[in-house]
Amino acid sequence: MASNAFVGKLIASLVLSIVLYYFFWVFVLPFMLIEEDNIIHSFFLPLQYAFAIPAAFGVCFVGGLSVFTFYHIWDHVSFF
């Protein structure tokens, strides 16, 4: 079984790699003066997904948080 320190480092590394990927995808790639058929563009999705994917995750997160909250407070809520 993995120790807590190892799991923490693994999660931190994963999150850092996702943040760096998104940073280069949104803030660096559009300003690079390279052709569209370059090998660098093959590592990234088209730019229109750069805001649709985080928005979808945000909607799912807020919706899940709302469902979780309503599930736990349902017994304490009276509408009438």
C-alpha atoms as a PDB file:
ATOM      1  CA  MET A   1       0.000   0.000   0.000  1.00  0.00           C
ATOM      2  CA  ALA A   2       1.283   3.460  -0.900  1.00  0.00           C
ATOM      3  CA  SER A   3       2.112   5.944   1.796  1.00  0.00           C
ATOM      4  CA  ASN A   4       0.244   9.222   2.127  1.00  0.00           C
ATOM      5  CA  ALA A   5       3.327  11.193   1.128  1.00  0.00           C
ATOM      6  CA  PHE A   6       3.684   9.238  -2.107  1.00  0.00           C
ATOM      7  CA  VAL A   7      -0.002   9.638  -2.966  1.00  0.00           C
ATOM      8  CA  GLY A   8       0.223  13.365  -2.245  1.00  0.00           C
ATOM      9  CA  LYS A   9       3.252  13.743  -4.508  1.00  0.00           C
ATOM     10  CA  LEU A  10       1.506  11.757  -7.224  1.00  0.00           C
ATOM     11  CA  ILE A  11      -1.621  13.921  -7.052  1.00  0.00           C
ATOM     12  CA  ALA A  12       0.437  17.133  -6.966  1.00  0.00           C
ATOM     13  CA  SER A  13       2.433  15.990 -10.013  1.00  0.00           C
ATOM     14  CA  LEU A  14      -0.738  15.121 -11.900  1.00  0.00           C
ATOM     15  CA  VAL A  15      -2.375  18.457 -11.127  1.00  0.00           C
ATOM     16  CA  LEU A  16       0.794  20.372 -12.033  1.00  0.00           C
ATOM     17  CA  SER A  17       1.055  18.578 -15.369  1.00  0.00           C
ATOM     18  CA  ILE A  18      -2.605  19.336 -16.167  1.00  0.00           C
ATOM     19  CA  VAL A  19      -2.175  23.019 -15.263  1.00  0.00           C
ATOM     20  CA  LEU A  20       0.998  23.324 -17.354  1.00  0.00           C
ATOM     21  CA  TYR A  21      -0.646  21.589 -20.326  1.00  0.00           C
ATOM     22  CA  TYR A  22      -3.626  23.953 -20.132  1.00  0.00           C
ATOM     23  CA  PHE A  23      -1.348  26.983 -19.724  1.00  0.00           C
ATOM     24  CA  PHE A  24       0.640  26.155 -22.852  1.00  0.00           C
ATOM     25  CA  TRP A  25      -2.521  25.233 -24.743  1.00  0.00           C
ATOM     26  CA  VAL A  26      -4.344  28.510 -24.001  1.00  0.00           C
ATOM     27  CA  PHE A  27      -1.643  31.117 -23.362  1.00  0.00           C
ATOM     28  CA  VAL A  28       1.370  30.045 -25.411  1.00  0.00           C
ATOM     29  CA  LEU A  29       0.218  28.032 -28.437  1.00  0.00           C
ATOM     30  CA  PRO A  30      -1.968  30.764 -30.036  1.00  0.00           C
ATOM     31  CA  PHE A  31       0.989  33.167 -30.071  1.00  0.00           C
ATOM     32  CA  MET A  32       3.582  30.780 -31.489  1.00  0.00           C
ATOM     33  CA  LEU A  33       4.552  31.600 -35.062  1.00  0.00           C
ATOM     34  CA  ILE A  34       4.498  28.067 -36.454  1.00  0.00           C
ATOM     35  CA  GLU A  35       2.513  26.362 -39.169  1.00  0.00           C
ATOM     36  CA  GLU A  36      -0.708  24.511 -38.390  1.00  0.00           C
ATOM     37  CA  ASP A  37       0.748  21.182 -39.576  1.00  0.00           C
ATOM     38  CA  ASN A  38       3.680  21.342 -37.151  1.00  0.00           C
ATOM     39  CA  ILE A  39       4.206  18.449 -34.725  1.00  0.00           C
ATOM     40  CA  ILE A  40       3.518  20.746 -31.737  1.00  0.00           C
ATOM     41  CA  HIS A  41      -0.097  21.285 -32.817  1.00  0.00           C
ATOM     42  CA  SER A  42      -0.701  17.530 -32.821  1.00  0.00           C
ATOM     43  CA  PHE A  43      -0.253  17.431 -29.020  1.00  0.00           C
ATOM     44  CA  PHE A  44      -3.111  19.882 -28.379  1.00  0.00           C
ATOM     45  CA  LEU A  45      -6.820  19.904 -29.128  1.00  0.00           C
ATOM     46  CA  PRO A  46      -8.286  22.756 -31.202  1.00  0.00           C
ATOM     47  CA  LEU A  47      -8.496  26.014 -29.273  1.00  0.00           C
ATOM     48  CA  GLN A  48     -12.312  26.148 -29.224  1.00  0.00           C
ATOM     49  CA  TYR A  49     -12.272  23.248 -26.741  1.00  0.00           C
ATOM     50  CA  ALA A  50     -10.017  25.201 -24.364  1.00  0.00           C
ATOM     51  CA  PHE A  51     -12.997  26.894 -22.759  1.00  0.00           C
ATOM     52  CA  ALA A  52     -15.746  24.342 -23.444  1.00  0.00           C
ATOM     53  CA  ILE A  53     -14.066  21.519 -21.508  1.00  0.00           C
ATOM     54  CA  PRO A  54     -13.461  23.513 -18.264  1.00  0.00           C
ATOM     55  CA  ALA A  55     -16.985  24.958 -18.519  1.00  0.00           C
ATOM     56  CA  ALA A  56     -18.464  21.455 -18.772  1.00  0.00           C
ATOM     57  CA  PHE A  57     -16.422  20.292 -15.775  1.00  0.00           C
ATOM     58  CA  GLY A  58     -17.561  23.370 -13.842  1.00  0.00           C
ATOM     59  CA  VAL A  59     -21.225  22.714 -14.612  1.00  0.00           C
ATOM     60  CA  CYS A  60     -20.830  19.068 -13.549  1.00  0.00           C
ATOM     61  CA  PHE A  61     -19.043  20.138 -10.348  1.00  0.00           C
ATOM     62  CA  VAL A  62     -21.664  22.722  -9.375  1.00  0.00           C
ATOM     63  CA  GLY A  63     -24.486  20.334 -10.285  1.00  0.00           C
ATOM     64  CA  GLY A  64     -22.930  17.514  -8.279  1.00  0.00           C
ATOM     65  CA  LEU A  65     -22.352  19.804  -5.332  1.00  0.00           C
ATOM     66  CA  SER A  66     -25.986  20.928  -5.484  1.00  0.00           C
ATOM     67  CA  VAL A  67     -27.268  17.343  -5.633  1.00  0.00           C
ATOM     68  CA  PHE A  68     -25.001  16.365  -2.726  1.00  0.00           C
ATOM     69  CA  THR A  69     -26.206  19.318  -0.653  1.00  0.00           C
ATOM     70  CA  PHE A  70     -29.889  18.750  -1.375  1.00  0.00           C
ATOM     71  CA  TYR A  71     -29.536  15.051  -0.587  1.00  0.00           C
ATOM     72  CA  HIS A  72     -28.114  15.809   2.851  1.00  0.00           C
ATOM     73  CA  ILE A  73     -30.483  18.639   3.815  1.00  0.00           C
ATOM     74  CA  TRP A  74     -33.673  17.147   2.345  1.00  0.00           C
ATOM     75  CA  ASP A  75     -34.953  15.981   5.750  1.00  0.00           C
ATOM     76  CA  HIS A  76     -34.496  19.457   7.236  1.00  0.00           C
ATOM     77  CA  VAL A  77     -36.266  21.390   4.482  1.00  0.00           C
ATOM     78  CA  SER A  78     -39.992  22.026   4.588  1.00  0.00           C
ATOM     79  CA  PHE A  79     -41.589  23.833   1.693  1.00  0.00           C
ATOM     80  CA  PHE A  80     -44.991  24.374   3.320  1.00  0.00           C
END
